[in-house]
Amino acid sequence: MSPPAATASTARQVLQRRAIQCSFSSVFHLRNCAGTGTGAEATTAMKEAKNAERIFFRAVALPVYAMGVIGVAAYGHKQW
């Protein structure tokens, strides 16, 4: 029996909020936990974990990468 749509939506929001607020290890822990089950529930959990990773990557990793690139460019410009 699947959970009601409101419960699934609330769970998705909590997962997305945690993905944005948590550290690298917490986000990847979600993926490791999702991969331990079997059947349809494990497939759904894995999709949610991948979604959390994608949100975290876009919200945290890409801006950090951009700041690094800008920092290197500024340092290089200052040197020459």
N, C-alpha and C. Protein backbone atom coordinates (compact mmCIF):
# COMPACT_ATOMS: atom_id res chain seq x y z
N MET A 1 0.85 -1.18 0.00
CA MET A 1 0.00 0.00 0.00
C MET A 1 0.89 1.23 0.00
N SER A 2 0.67 2.14 -0.91
CA SER A 2 1.49 3.34 -1.01
C SER A 2 0.94 4.42 -0.09
N PRO A 3 1.83 5.34 0.37
CA PRO A 3 1.38 6.41 1.25
C PRO A 3 0.51 7.41 0.50
N PRO A 4 -0.35 8.14 1.22
CA PRO A 4 -1.16 9.15 0.56
C PRO A 4 -0.28 10.21 -0.11
N ALA A 5 -0.84 10.90 -1.09
CA ALA A 5 -0.08 11.88 -1.86
C ALA A 5 0.45 13.00 -0.97
N ALA A 6 -0.33 13.43 0.01
CA ALA A 6 0.11 14.51 0.90
C ALA A 6 1.32 14.08 1.72
N THR A 7 1.32 12.84 2.18
CA THR A 7 2.45 12.34 2.95
C THR A 7 3.69 12.24 2.09
N ALA A 8 3.54 11.75 0.86
CA ALA A 8 4.68 11.65 -0.05
C ALA A 8 5.23 13.03 -0.37
N SER A 9 4.34 14.00 -0.57
CA SER A 9 4.77 15.36 -0.87
C SER A 9 5.52 15.97 0.31
N THR A 10 5.02 15.76 1.51
CA THR A 10 5.69 16.26 2.71
C THR A 10 7.05 15.61 2.88
N ALA A 11 7.12 14.31 2.64
CA ALA A 11 8.39 13.60 2.75
C ALA A 11 9.39 14.12 1.73
N ARG A 12 8.92 14.41 0.53
CA ARG A 12 9.80 14.94 -0.52
C ARG A 12 10.34 16.32 -0.12
N GLN A 13 9.48 17.15 0.46
CA GLN A 13 9.93 18.48 0.89
C GLN A 13 10.98 18.38 2.00
N VAL A 14 10.76 17.47 2.94
CA VAL A 14 11.73 17.28 4.02
C VAL A 14 13.06 16.80 3.45
N LEU A 15 13.00 15.87 2.52
CA LEU A 15 14.21 15.35 1.90
C LEU A 15 14.95 16.44 1.14
N GLN A 16 14.24 17.28 0.42
CA GLN A 16 14.87 18.38 -0.32
C GLN A 16 15.48 19.39 0.64
N ARG A 17 14.79 19.70 1.72
CA ARG A 17 15.33 20.65 2.70
C ARG A 17 16.60 20.11 3.33
N ARG A 18 16.59 18.84 3.66
CA ARG A 18 17.80 18.23 4.24
C ARG A 18 18.95 18.21 3.24
N ALA A 19 18.63 17.98 1.98
CA ALA A 19 19.68 17.94 0.95
C ALA A 19 20.36 19.28 0.83
N ILE A 20 19.61 20.35 0.98
CA ILE A 20 20.20 21.68 0.86
C ILE A 20 20.97 22.06 2.13
N GLN A 21 20.47 21.67 3.29
CA GLN A 21 21.05 22.10 4.55
C GLN A 21 22.16 21.18 5.06
N CYS A 22 22.23 19.98 4.59
CA CYS A 22 23.16 19.01 5.17
C CYS A 22 24.52 19.03 4.49
N SER A 23 25.41 18.26 5.06
CA SER A 23 26.76 18.14 4.54
C SER A 23 26.83 17.10 3.44
N PHE A 24 27.99 17.00 2.81
CA PHE A 24 28.20 15.99 1.78
C PHE A 24 27.91 14.60 2.32
N SER A 25 28.43 14.27 3.48
CA SER A 25 28.27 12.92 4.01
C SER A 25 26.82 12.57 4.28
N SER A 26 26.02 13.54 4.73
CA SER A 26 24.62 13.27 5.01
C SER A 26 23.85 12.97 3.73
N VAL A 27 24.13 13.71 2.68
CA VAL A 27 23.43 13.49 1.42
C VAL A 27 23.79 12.12 0.84
N PHE A 28 25.06 11.77 0.85
CA PHE A 28 25.46 10.49 0.30
C PHE A 28 25.05 9.33 1.20
N HIS A 29 24.84 9.59 2.48
CA HIS A 29 24.31 8.58 3.39
C HIS A 29 22.89 8.20 2.97
N LEU A 30 22.11 9.17 2.50
CA LEU A 30 20.76 8.88 2.01
C LEU A 30 20.82 7.87 0.87
N ARG A 31 21.77 8.04 -0.03
CA ARG A 31 21.89 7.11 -1.16
C ARG A 31 22.26 5.71 -0.67
N ASN A 32 23.19 5.63 0.28
CA ASN A 32 23.60 4.33 0.78
C ASN A 32 22.46 3.62 1.50
N CYS A 33 21.66 4.35 2.25
CA CYS A 33 20.52 3.76 2.93
C CYS A 33 19.45 3.31 1.95
N ALA A 34 19.27 4.08 0.89
CA ALA A 34 18.25 3.75 -0.10
C ALA A 34 18.60 2.48 -0.86
N GLY A 35 19.86 2.19 -1.02
CA GLY A 35 20.28 1.03 -1.79
C GLY A 35 20.25 -0.28 -1.04
N THR A 36 19.86 -0.27 0.24
CA THR A 36 19.90 -1.49 1.03
C THR A 36 18.66 -2.34 0.91
N GLY A 37 17.54 -1.78 0.44
CA GLY A 37 16.29 -2.53 0.37
C GLY A 37 16.13 -3.25 -0.95
N THR A 38 14.95 -3.87 -1.09
CA THR A 38 14.62 -4.56 -2.34
C THR A 38 13.20 -4.18 -2.74
N GLY A 39 12.90 -4.36 -3.99
CA GLY A 39 11.54 -4.14 -4.47
C GLY A 39 11.25 -2.71 -4.84
N ALA A 40 9.95 -2.41 -4.91
CA ALA A 40 9.49 -1.10 -5.34
C ALA A 40 9.88 0.00 -4.36
N GLU A 41 9.86 -0.31 -3.07
CA GLU A 41 10.22 0.70 -2.08
C GLU A 41 11.68 1.13 -2.23
N ALA A 42 12.55 0.19 -2.51
CA ALA A 42 13.97 0.51 -2.70
C ALA A 42 14.17 1.35 -3.96
N THR A 43 13.41 1.05 -5.00
CA THR A 43 13.51 1.82 -6.23
C THR A 43 13.06 3.26 -5.99
N THR A 44 11.97 3.43 -5.28
CA THR A 44 11.48 4.77 -4.95
C THR A 44 12.48 5.50 -4.06
N ALA A 45 13.02 4.81 -3.08
CA ALA A 45 13.99 5.42 -2.18
C ALA A 45 15.25 5.84 -2.93
N MET A 46 15.68 5.02 -3.88
CA MET A 46 16.86 5.36 -4.67
C MET A 46 16.60 6.58 -5.54
N LYS A 47 15.42 6.68 -6.12
CA LYS A 47 15.08 7.86 -6.92
C LYS A 47 15.08 9.11 -6.05
N GLU A 48 14.52 9.01 -4.85
CA GLU A 48 14.50 10.15 -3.94
C GLU A 48 15.91 10.54 -3.51
N ALA A 49 16.77 9.55 -3.27
CA ALA A 49 18.15 9.84 -2.88
C ALA A 49 18.90 10.53 -4.02
N LYS A 50 18.69 10.07 -5.24
CA LYS A 50 19.33 10.72 -6.39
C LYS A 50 18.82 12.14 -6.56
N ASN A 51 17.54 12.34 -6.31
CA ASN A 51 16.97 13.68 -6.38
C ASN A 51 17.61 14.58 -5.32
N ALA A 52 17.80 14.06 -4.12
CA ALA A 52 18.44 14.82 -3.04
C ALA A 52 19.87 15.18 -3.42
N GLU A 53 20.59 14.23 -4.02
CA GLU A 53 21.96 14.51 -4.46
C GLU A 53 21.98 15.61 -5.51
N ARG A 54 21.05 15.55 -6.44
CA ARG A 54 20.99 16.54 -7.51
C ARG A 54 20.69 17.94 -6.93
N ILE A 55 19.76 18.03 -6.01
CA ILE A 55 19.44 19.30 -5.38
C ILE A 55 20.65 19.83 -4.62
N PHE A 56 21.30 18.96 -3.85
CA PHE A 56 22.46 19.38 -3.08
C PHE A 56 23.57 19.86 -4.00
N PHE A 57 23.81 19.13 -5.08
CA PHE A 57 24.87 19.48 -6.01
C PHE A 57 24.61 20.85 -6.63
N ARG A 58 23.37 21.10 -7.03
CA ARG A 58 23.04 22.38 -7.65
C ARG A 58 23.08 23.53 -6.65
N ALA A 59 22.66 23.27 -5.42
CA ALA A 59 22.56 24.34 -4.43
C ALA A 59 23.87 24.64 -3.72
N VAL A 60 24.76 23.65 -3.63
CA VAL A 60 25.98 23.83 -2.85
C VAL A 60 27.25 23.66 -3.68
N ALA A 61 27.38 22.55 -4.35
CA ALA A 61 28.64 22.24 -5.03
C ALA A 61 28.91 23.18 -6.21
N LEU A 62 27.91 23.49 -7.01
CA LEU A 62 28.14 24.37 -8.15
C LEU A 62 28.55 25.79 -7.72
N PRO A 63 27.88 26.39 -6.73
CA PRO A 63 28.35 27.71 -6.28
C PRO A 63 29.77 27.69 -5.70
N VAL A 64 30.11 26.63 -4.98
CA VAL A 64 31.47 26.52 -4.43
C VAL A 64 32.48 26.41 -5.57
N TYR A 65 32.15 25.63 -6.59
CA TYR A 65 33.02 25.51 -7.75
C TYR A 65 33.18 26.87 -8.45
N ALA A 66 32.07 27.58 -8.61
CA ALA A 66 32.12 28.89 -9.26
C ALA A 66 32.99 29.86 -8.47
N MET A 67 32.87 29.85 -7.16
CA MET A 67 33.71 30.73 -6.34
C MET A 67 35.18 30.37 -6.50
N GLY A 68 35.48 29.09 -6.60
CA GLY A 68 36.86 28.66 -6.80
C GLY A 68 37.41 29.14 -8.13
N VAL A 69 36.62 29.01 -9.17
CA VAL A 69 37.06 29.46 -10.50
C VAL A 69 37.27 30.97 -10.50
N ILE A 70 36.35 31.71 -9.90
CA ILE A 70 36.50 33.17 -9.83
C ILE A 70 37.74 33.54 -9.01
N GLY A 71 38.00 32.82 -7.93
CA GLY A 71 39.17 33.08 -7.10
C GLY A 71 40.47 32.84 -7.85
N VAL A 72 40.52 31.75 -8.59
CA VAL A 72 41.72 31.44 -9.38
C VAL A 72 41.92 32.50 -10.47
N ALA A 73 40.83 32.90 -11.11
CA ALA A 73 40.93 33.92 -12.15
C ALA A 73 41.40 35.26 -11.56
N ALA A 74 40.87 35.61 -10.40
CA ALA A 74 41.28 36.87 -9.77
C ALA A 74 42.75 36.81 -9.36
N TYR A 75 43.17 35.69 -8.83
CA TYR A 75 44.57 35.53 -8.44
C TYR A 75 45.48 35.61 -9.66
N GLY A 76 45.06 34.94 -10.74
CA GLY A 76 45.85 34.97 -11.96
C GLY A 76 45.91 36.36 -12.56
N HIS A 77 44.81 37.08 -12.52
CA HIS A 77 44.78 38.45 -13.04
C HIS A 77 45.67 39.37 -12.20
N LYS A 78 45.69 39.14 -10.92
CA LYS A 78 46.51 39.96 -10.01
C LYS A 78 48.00 39.70 -10.25
N GLN A 79 48.36 38.50 -10.61
CA GLN A 79 49.76 38.12 -10.80
C GLN A 79 50.33 38.69 -12.10
N TRP A 80 49.48 38.92 -13.10
CA TRP A 80 49.99 39.39 -14.39
C TRP A 80 49.54 40.75 -14.65
